[in-house]
PDB file of N, CA and C in Angstrom:
ATOM      1  N   UNK A   1      -4.572 -23.654  70.791  1.00  0.00           N
ATOM      2  CA  UNK A   1      -4.561 -25.576  71.466  1.00  0.00           C
ATOM      3  C   UNK A   1      -3.211 -26.126  71.746  1.00  0.00           C
ATOM      4  N   UNK A   2      -3.372 -26.626  71.996  1.00  0.00           N
ATOM      5  CA  UNK A   2      -1.942 -27.214  71.995  1.00  0.00           C
ATOM      6  C   UNK A   2      -1.502 -29.023  71.157  1.00  0.00           C
ATOM      7  N   UNK A   3      -0.672 -29.099  71.018  1.00  0.00           N
ATOM      8  CA  UNK A   3      -0.974 -29.981  69.774  1.00  0.00           C
ATOM      9  C   UNK A   3       0.225 -31.192  70.547  1.00  0.00           C
ATOM     10  N   UNK A   4       0.085 -32.186  70.433  1.00  0.00           N
ATOM     11  CA  UNK A   4       0.832 -33.346  70.508  1.00  0.00           C
ATOM     12  C   UNK A   4       2.258 -33.344  69.419  1.00  0.00           C
ATOM     13  N   UNK A   5       3.422 -33.307  70.302  1.00  0.00           N
ATOM     14  CA  UNK A   5       4.581 -33.303  70.331  1.00  0.00           C
ATOM     15  C   UNK A   5       4.892 -34.141  69.381  1.00  0.00           C
ATOM     16  N   UNK A   6       5.991 -33.740  67.670  1.00  0.00           N
ATOM     17  CA  UNK A   6       5.830 -35.154  67.063  1.00  0.00           C
ATOM     18  C   UNK A   6       7.335 -35.038  66.462  1.00  0.00           C
ATOM     19  N   UNK A   7       7.944 -35.829  67.127  1.00  0.00           N
ATOM     20  CA  UNK A   7       8.903 -36.707  66.768  1.00  0.00           C
ATOM     21  C   UNK A   7       9.113 -36.621  65.107  1.00  0.00           C
ATOM     22  N   UNK A   8      10.271 -36.193  64.879  1.00  0.00           N
ATOM     23  CA  UNK A   8      10.656 -36.633  63.568  1.00  0.00           C
ATOM     24  C   UNK A   8      12.549 -37.440  63.238  1.00  0.00           C
ATOM     25  N   UNK A   9      12.216 -37.956  62.308  1.00  0.00           N
ATOM     26  CA  UNK A   9      13.066 -39.012  62.044  1.00  0.00           C
ATOM     27  C   UNK A   9      13.793 -38.700  60.464  1.00  0.00           C
ATOM     28  N   UNK A  10      14.936 -39.424  59.910  1.00  0.00           N
ATOM     29  CA  UNK A  10      15.864 -38.455  58.723  1.00  0.00           C
ATOM     30  C   UNK A  10      16.121 -40.157  57.766  1.00  0.00           C
ATOM     31  N   UNK A  11      14.561 -39.522  57.187  1.00  0.00           N
ATOM     32  CA  UNK A  11      14.260 -40.364  56.375  1.00  0.00           C
ATOM     33  C   UNK A  11      13.872 -39.817  54.706  1.00  0.00           C
ATOM     34  N   UNK A  12      14.072 -40.291  53.720  1.00  0.00           N
ATOM     35  CA  UNK A  12      14.168 -40.138  52.528  1.00  0.00           C
ATOM     36  C   UNK A  12      13.996 -40.891  51.628  1.00  0.00           C
ATOM     37  N   UNK A  13      12.895 -41.338  50.861  1.00  0.00           N
ATOM     38  CA  UNK A  13      12.467 -42.277  49.661  1.00  0.00           C
ATOM     39  C   UNK A  13      13.040 -40.593  48.450  1.00  0.00           C
ATOM     40  N   UNK A  14      13.610 -41.690  47.344  1.00  0.00           N
ATOM     41  CA  UNK A  14      13.532 -41.399  45.793  1.00  0.00           C
ATOM     42  C   UNK A  14      12.514 -41.362  45.446  1.00  0.00           C
ATOM     43  N   UNK A  15      12.091 -40.570  44.241  1.00  0.00           N
ATOM     44  CA  UNK A  15      10.791 -41.166  43.208  1.00  0.00           C
ATOM     45  C   UNK A  15      11.857 -40.411  41.638  1.00  0.00           C
ATOM     46  N   UNK A  16      11.619 -40.920  40.845  1.00  0.00           N
ATOM     47  CA  UNK A  16      12.326 -41.220  39.596  1.00  0.00           C
ATOM     48  C   UNK A  16      13.346 -39.735  40.139  1.00  0.00           C
ATOM     49  N   UNK A  17      14.274 -40.342  40.079  1.00  0.00           N
ATOM     50  CA  UNK A  17      15.694 -39.006  40.439  1.00  0.00           C
ATOM     51  C   UNK A  17      15.742 -38.226  41.623  1.00  0.00           C
ATOM     52  N   UNK A  18      14.651 -38.077  42.377  1.00  0.00           N
ATOM     53  CA  UNK A  18      14.160 -36.751  42.915  1.00  0.00           C
ATOM     54  C   UNK A  18      13.957 -36.897  44.611  1.00  0.00           C
ATOM     55  N   UNK A  19      14.784 -36.443  45.778  1.00  0.00           N
ATOM     56  CA  UNK A  19      14.658 -37.581  46.679  1.00  0.00           C
ATOM     57  C   UNK A  19      13.856 -36.296  47.704  1.00  0.00           C
ATOM     58  N   UNK A  20      12.718 -36.981  48.157  1.00  0.00           N
ATOM     59  CA  UNK A  20      11.921 -36.450  48.542  1.00  0.00           C
ATOM     60  C   UNK A  20      12.311 -37.452  50.325  1.00  0.00           C
ATOM     61  N   UNK A  21      12.229 -35.883  51.523  1.00  0.00           N
ATOM     62  CA  UNK A  21      11.793 -36.276  52.932  1.00  0.00           C
ATOM     63  C   UNK A  21      10.915 -36.485  53.470  1.00  0.00           C
ATOM     64  N   UNK A  22      10.570 -37.083  53.923  1.00  0.00           N
ATOM     65  CA  UNK A  22       9.665 -38.020  54.990  1.00  0.00           C
ATOM     66  C   UNK A  22       9.711 -38.166  56.508  1.00  0.00           C
ATOM     67  N   UNK A  23      10.319 -36.641  56.965  1.00  0.00           N
ATOM     68  CA  UNK A  23      10.652 -36.976  58.117  1.00  0.00           C
ATOM     69  C   UNK A  23       8.925 -37.492  59.590  1.00  0.00           C
ATOM     70  N   UNK A  24       8.065 -37.392  59.157  1.00  0.00           N
ATOM     71  CA  UNK A  24       6.891 -38.517  60.211  1.00  0.00           C
ATOM     72  C   UNK A  24       6.507 -40.312  59.166  1.00  0.00           C
ATOM     73  N   UNK A  25       7.629 -39.863  58.834  1.00  0.00           N
ATOM     74  CA  UNK A  25       7.383 -41.928  57.944  1.00  0.00           C
ATOM     75  C   UNK A  25       6.673 -42.866  58.768  1.00  0.00           C
ATOM     76  N   UNK A  26       7.904 -42.308  60.141  1.00  0.00           N
ATOM     77  CA  UNK A  26       7.142 -43.275  61.304  1.00  0.00           C
ATOM     78  C   UNK A  26       5.753 -43.868  61.765  1.00  0.00           C
ATOM     79  N   UNK A  27       5.071 -42.306  60.981  1.00  0.00           N
ATOM     80  CA  UNK A  27       3.098 -42.531  61.846  1.00  0.00           C
ATOM     81  C   UNK A  27       2.599 -42.773  61.004  1.00  0.00           C
ATOM     82  N   UNK A  28       3.108 -44.082  59.973  1.00  0.00           N
ATOM     83  CA  UNK A  28       2.928 -44.785  59.519  1.00  0.00           C
ATOM     84  C   UNK A  28       2.894 -46.451  59.655  1.00  0.00           C
ATOM     85  N   UNK A  29       2.554 -46.089  60.851  1.00  0.00           N
ATOM     86  CA  UNK A  29       2.999 -47.688  61.925  1.00  0.00           C
ATOM     87  C   UNK A  29       1.183 -47.783  62.230  1.00  0.00           C
ATOM     88  N   UNK A  30       1.578 -49.159  61.759  1.00  0.00           N
ATOM     89  CA  UNK A  30       0.323 -49.646  62.984  1.00  0.00           C
ATOM     90  C   UNK A  30      -0.082 -49.644  64.138  1.00  0.00           C
ATOM     91  N   UNK A  31      -1.160 -48.508  64.193  1.00  0.00           N
ATOM     92  CA  UNK A  31      -1.317 -48.757  65.773  1.00  0.00           C
ATOM     93  C   UNK A  31      -1.557 -49.430  67.336  1.00  0.00           C
ATOM     94  N   UNK A  32      -1.875 -50.993  66.327  1.00  0.00           N
ATOM     95  CA  UNK A  32      -2.085 -51.678  66.737  1.00  0.00           C
ATOM     96  C   UNK A  32      -0.334 -52.346  67.579  1.00  0.00           C
ATOM     97  N   UNK A  33       0.043 -51.989  66.938  1.00  0.00           N
ATOM     98  CA  UNK A  33       1.405 -52.737  66.917  1.00  0.00           C
ATOM     99  C   UNK A  33       2.951 -51.809  66.900  1.00  0.00           C
ATOM    100  N   UNK A  34       2.683 -50.285  66.785  1.00  0.00           N
ATOM    101  CA  UNK A  34       3.437 -48.855  68.242  1.00  0.00           C
ATOM    102  C   UNK A  34       2.889 -48.710  68.687  1.00  0.00           C
ATOM    103  N   UNK A  35       2.846 -48.719  70.218  1.00  0.00           N
ATOM    104  CA  UNK A  35       2.687 -48.334  70.783  1.00  0.00           C
ATOM    105  C   UNK A  35       2.744 -46.101  70.988  1.00  0.00           C
ATOM    106  N   UNK A  36       4.350 -46.266  70.585  1.00  0.00           N
ATOM    107  CA  UNK A  36       4.433 -44.660  70.292  1.00  0.00           C
ATOM    108  C   UNK A  36       3.217 -43.766  69.135  1.00  0.00           C
ATOM    109  N   UNK A  37       3.543 -45.008  68.264  1.00  0.00           N
ATOM    110  CA  UNK A  37       2.370 -44.255  67.342  1.00  0.00           C
ATOM    111  C   UNK A  37       1.020 -43.924  67.795  1.00  0.00           C
ATOM    112  N   UNK A  38       0.516 -44.740  68.489  1.00  0.00           N
ATOM    113  CA  UNK A  38      -1.086 -45.347  69.416  1.00  0.00           C
ATOM    114  C   UNK A  38      -0.937 -44.075  70.375  1.00  0.00           C
ATOM    115  N   UNK A  39       0.449 -43.709  71.029  1.00  0.00           N
ATOM    116  CA  UNK A  39      -0.534 -42.636  71.713  1.00  0.00           C
ATOM    117  C   UNK A  39      -0.132 -41.166  70.991  1.00  0.00           C
ATOM    118  N   UNK A  40       0.994 -41.058  69.989  1.00  0.00           N
ATOM    119  CA  UNK A  40       0.896 -39.990  69.494  1.00  0.00           C
ATOM    120  C   UNK A  40      -1.086 -39.496  68.766  1.00  0.00           C
ATOM    121  N   UNK A  41      -1.332 -40.666  68.064  1.00  0.00           N
ATOM    122  CA  UNK A  41      -3.566 -40.306  67.628  1.00  0.00           C
ATOM    123  C   UNK A  41      -3.725 -40.704  68.703  1.00  0.00           C
ATOM    124  N   UNK A  42      -3.467 -41.032  69.864  1.00  0.00           N
ATOM    125  CA  UNK A  42      -4.230 -40.597  71.060  1.00  0.00           C
ATOM    126  C   UNK A  42      -4.491 -39.431  71.611  1.00  0.00           C
ATOM    127  N   UNK A  43      -3.108 -38.649  71.508  1.00  0.00           N
ATOM    128  CA  UNK A  43      -3.016 -37.772  72.206  1.00  0.00           C
ATOM    129  C   UNK A  43      -3.529 -36.108  70.801  1.00  0.00           C
ATOM    130  N   UNK A  44      -3.315 -36.220  69.658  1.00  0.00           N
ATOM    131  CA  UNK A  44      -4.107 -35.624  68.194  1.00  0.00           C
ATOM    132  C   UNK A  44      -5.293 -35.805  68.589  1.00  0.00           C
ATOM    133  N   UNK A  45      -6.448 -37.517  68.721  1.00  0.00           N
ATOM    134  CA  UNK A  45      -7.816 -37.352  69.092  1.00  0.00           C
ATOM    135  C   UNK A  45      -7.961 -36.477  70.647  1.00  0.00           C
ATOM    136  N   UNK A  46      -7.532 -36.666  70.949  1.00  0.00           N
ATOM    137  CA  UNK A  46      -8.127 -35.981  72.396  1.00  0.00           C
ATOM    138  C   UNK A  46      -7.955 -33.459  72.004  1.00  0.00           C
ATOM    139  N   UNK A  47      -6.676 -33.604  71.398  1.00  0.00           N
ATOM    140  CA  UNK A  47      -6.928 -32.467  70.476  1.00  0.00           C
ATOM    141  C   UNK A  47      -8.415 -32.005  70.041  1.00  0.00           C
ATOM    142  N   UNK A  48      -8.681 -32.858  69.157  1.00  0.00           N
ATOM    143  CA  UNK A  48      -9.148 -31.953  68.263  1.00  0.00           C
ATOM    144  C   UNK A  48     -10.579 -32.653  68.637  1.00  0.00           C
ATOM    145  N   UNK A  49     -11.241 -33.819  69.539  1.00  0.00           N
ATOM    146  CA  UNK A  49     -12.605 -33.783  70.785  1.00  0.00           C
ATOM    147  C   UNK A  49     -12.659 -31.852  71.516  1.00  0.00           C
ATOM    148  N   UNK A  50     -11.479 -32.004  71.643  1.00  0.00           N
ATOM    149  CA  UNK A  50     -12.016 -31.017  72.756  1.00  0.00           C
ATOM    150  C   UNK A  50     -11.808 -29.289  71.956  1.00  0.00           C
ATOM    151  N   UNK A  51     -11.562 -29.247  70.818  1.00  0.00           N
ATOM    152  CA  UNK A  51     -11.895 -27.971  69.722  1.00  0.00           C
ATOM    153  C   UNK A  51     -13.428 -28.563  69.822  1.00  0.00           C
ATOM    154  N   UNK A  52     -13.730 -30.384  68.870  1.00  0.00           N
ATOM    155  CA  UNK A  52     -14.828 -30.037  68.183  1.00  0.00           C
ATOM    156  C   UNK A  52     -15.992 -30.299  68.306  1.00  0.00           C
ATOM    157  N   UNK A  53     -15.991 -30.620  69.999  1.00  0.00           N
ATOM    158  CA  UNK A  53     -17.621 -30.309  71.269  1.00  0.00           C
ATOM    159  C   UNK A  53     -17.282 -28.359  71.814  1.00  0.00           C
ATOM    160  N   UNK A  54     -16.180 -27.676  71.124  1.00  0.00           N
ATOM    161  CA  UNK A  54     -16.384 -26.483  71.490  1.00  0.00           C
ATOM    162  C   UNK A  54     -17.215 -24.898  70.292  1.00  0.00           C
ATOM    163  N   UNK A  55     -17.431 -26.106  69.610  1.00  0.00           N
ATOM    164  CA  UNK A  55     -18.492 -25.510  68.342  1.00  0.00           C
ATOM    165  C   UNK A  55     -20.056 -25.645  68.452  1.00  0.00           C
ATOM    166  N   UNK A  56     -20.421 -24.488  69.534  1.00  0.00           N
ATOM    167  CA  UNK A  56     -21.965 -23.590  69.094  1.00  0.00           C
ATOM    168  C   UNK A  56     -22.351 -24.840  68.125  1.00  0.00           C
ATOM    169  N   UNK A  57     -22.644 -24.798  66.516  1.00  0.00           N
ATOM    170  CA  UNK A  57     -23.760 -25.585  65.825  1.00  0.00           C
ATOM    171  C   UNK A  57     -23.256 -26.842  66.349  1.00  0.00           C
ATOM    172  N   UNK A  58     -22.450 -27.692  67.078  1.00  0.00           N
ATOM    173  CA  UNK A  58     -22.809 -28.821  66.482  1.00  0.00           C
ATOM    174  C   UNK A  58     -23.786 -30.053  66.955  1.00  0.00           C
ATOM    175  N   UNK A  59     -23.840 -29.315  68.211  1.00  0.00           N
ATOM    176  CA  UNK A  59     -25.681 -29.505  68.686  1.00  0.00           C
ATOM    177  C   UNK A  59     -27.018 -29.155  68.009  1.00  0.00           C
ATOM    178  N   UNK A  60     -26.603 -28.317  68.008  1.00  0.00           N
ATOM    179  CA  UNK A  60     -27.989 -28.318  67.098  1.00  0.00           C
ATOM    180  C   UNK A  60     -28.391 -28.459  65.726  1.00  0.00           C
ATOM    181  N   UNK A  61     -26.507 -29.268  64.986  1.00  0.00           N
ATOM    182  CA  UNK A  61     -26.697 -30.012  63.530  1.00  0.00           C
ATOM    183  C   UNK A  61     -26.753 -31.385  64.154  1.00  0.00           C
ATOM    184  N   UNK A  62     -25.908 -31.828  65.301  1.00  0.00           N
ATOM    185  CA  UNK A  62     -26.713 -33.264  65.165  1.00  0.00           C
ATOM    186  C   UNK A  62     -28.205 -33.790  65.822  1.00  0.00           C
ATOM    187  N   UNK A  63     -29.115 -32.898  66.411  1.00  0.00           N
ATOM    188  CA  UNK A  63     -30.666 -32.945  66.408  1.00  0.00           C
ATOM    189  C   UNK A  63     -30.572 -33.558  65.183  1.00  0.00           C
ATOM    190  N   UNK A  64     -31.118 -31.706  64.690  1.00  0.00           N
ATOM    191  CA  UNK A  64     -31.093 -32.129  63.048  1.00  0.00           C
ATOM    192  C   UNK A  64     -31.093 -34.034  62.403  1.00  0.00           C
ATOM    193  N   UNK A  65     -29.822 -33.415  61.744  1.00  0.00           N
ATOM    194  CA  UNK A  65     -29.587 -34.925  61.933  1.00  0.00           C
ATOM    195  C   UNK A  65     -30.016 -36.233  62.564  1.00  0.00           C
ATOM    196  N   UNK A  66     -30.317 -36.287  63.854  1.00  0.00           N
ATOM    197  CA  UNK A  66     -30.790 -37.673  64.333  1.00  0.00           C
ATOM    198  C   UNK A  66     -32.213 -37.189  63.948  1.00  0.00           C
ATOM    199  N   UNK A  67     -33.180 -36.525  63.791  1.00  0.00           N
ATOM    200  CA  UNK A  67     -34.705 -36.467  62.954  1.00  0.00           C
ATOM    201  C   UNK A  67     -34.279 -37.084  62.003  1.00  0.00           C
ATOM    202  N   UNK A  68     -33.493 -37.527  61.092  1.00  0.00           N
ATOM    203  CA  UNK A  68     -33.962 -37.145  59.592  1.00  0.00           C
ATOM    204  C   UNK A  68     -33.125 -39.095  59.764  1.00  0.00           C
ATOM    205  N   UNK A  69     -32.403 -39.872  60.847  1.00  0.00           N
ATOM    206  CA  UNK A  69     -31.569 -40.681  60.836  1.00  0.00           C
ATOM    207  C   UNK A  69     -32.916 -41.957  61.412  1.00  0.00           C
ATOM    208  N   UNK A  70     -33.688 -41.137  62.043  1.00  0.00           N
ATOM    209  CA  UNK A  70     -34.691 -41.868  62.476  1.00  0.00           C
ATOM    210  C   UNK A  70     -36.311 -41.893  62.108  1.00  0.00           C
TER     211      UNK A  70
END
């Protein structure tokens, strides 16, 4: 699998006097307002869907669940 590139930023929070780096803080932005975050989420979803679709037990499980739901 090839995960999307994830940029880091020089962000640090301070909690009770302890500095804690948070290089992925930019990913907390709203995807409706930040096109870069939206693109990253879409790329990550593509990787995830590719993996999930390759799981052999997925269709039999889906069919079994469908019988319960219906």
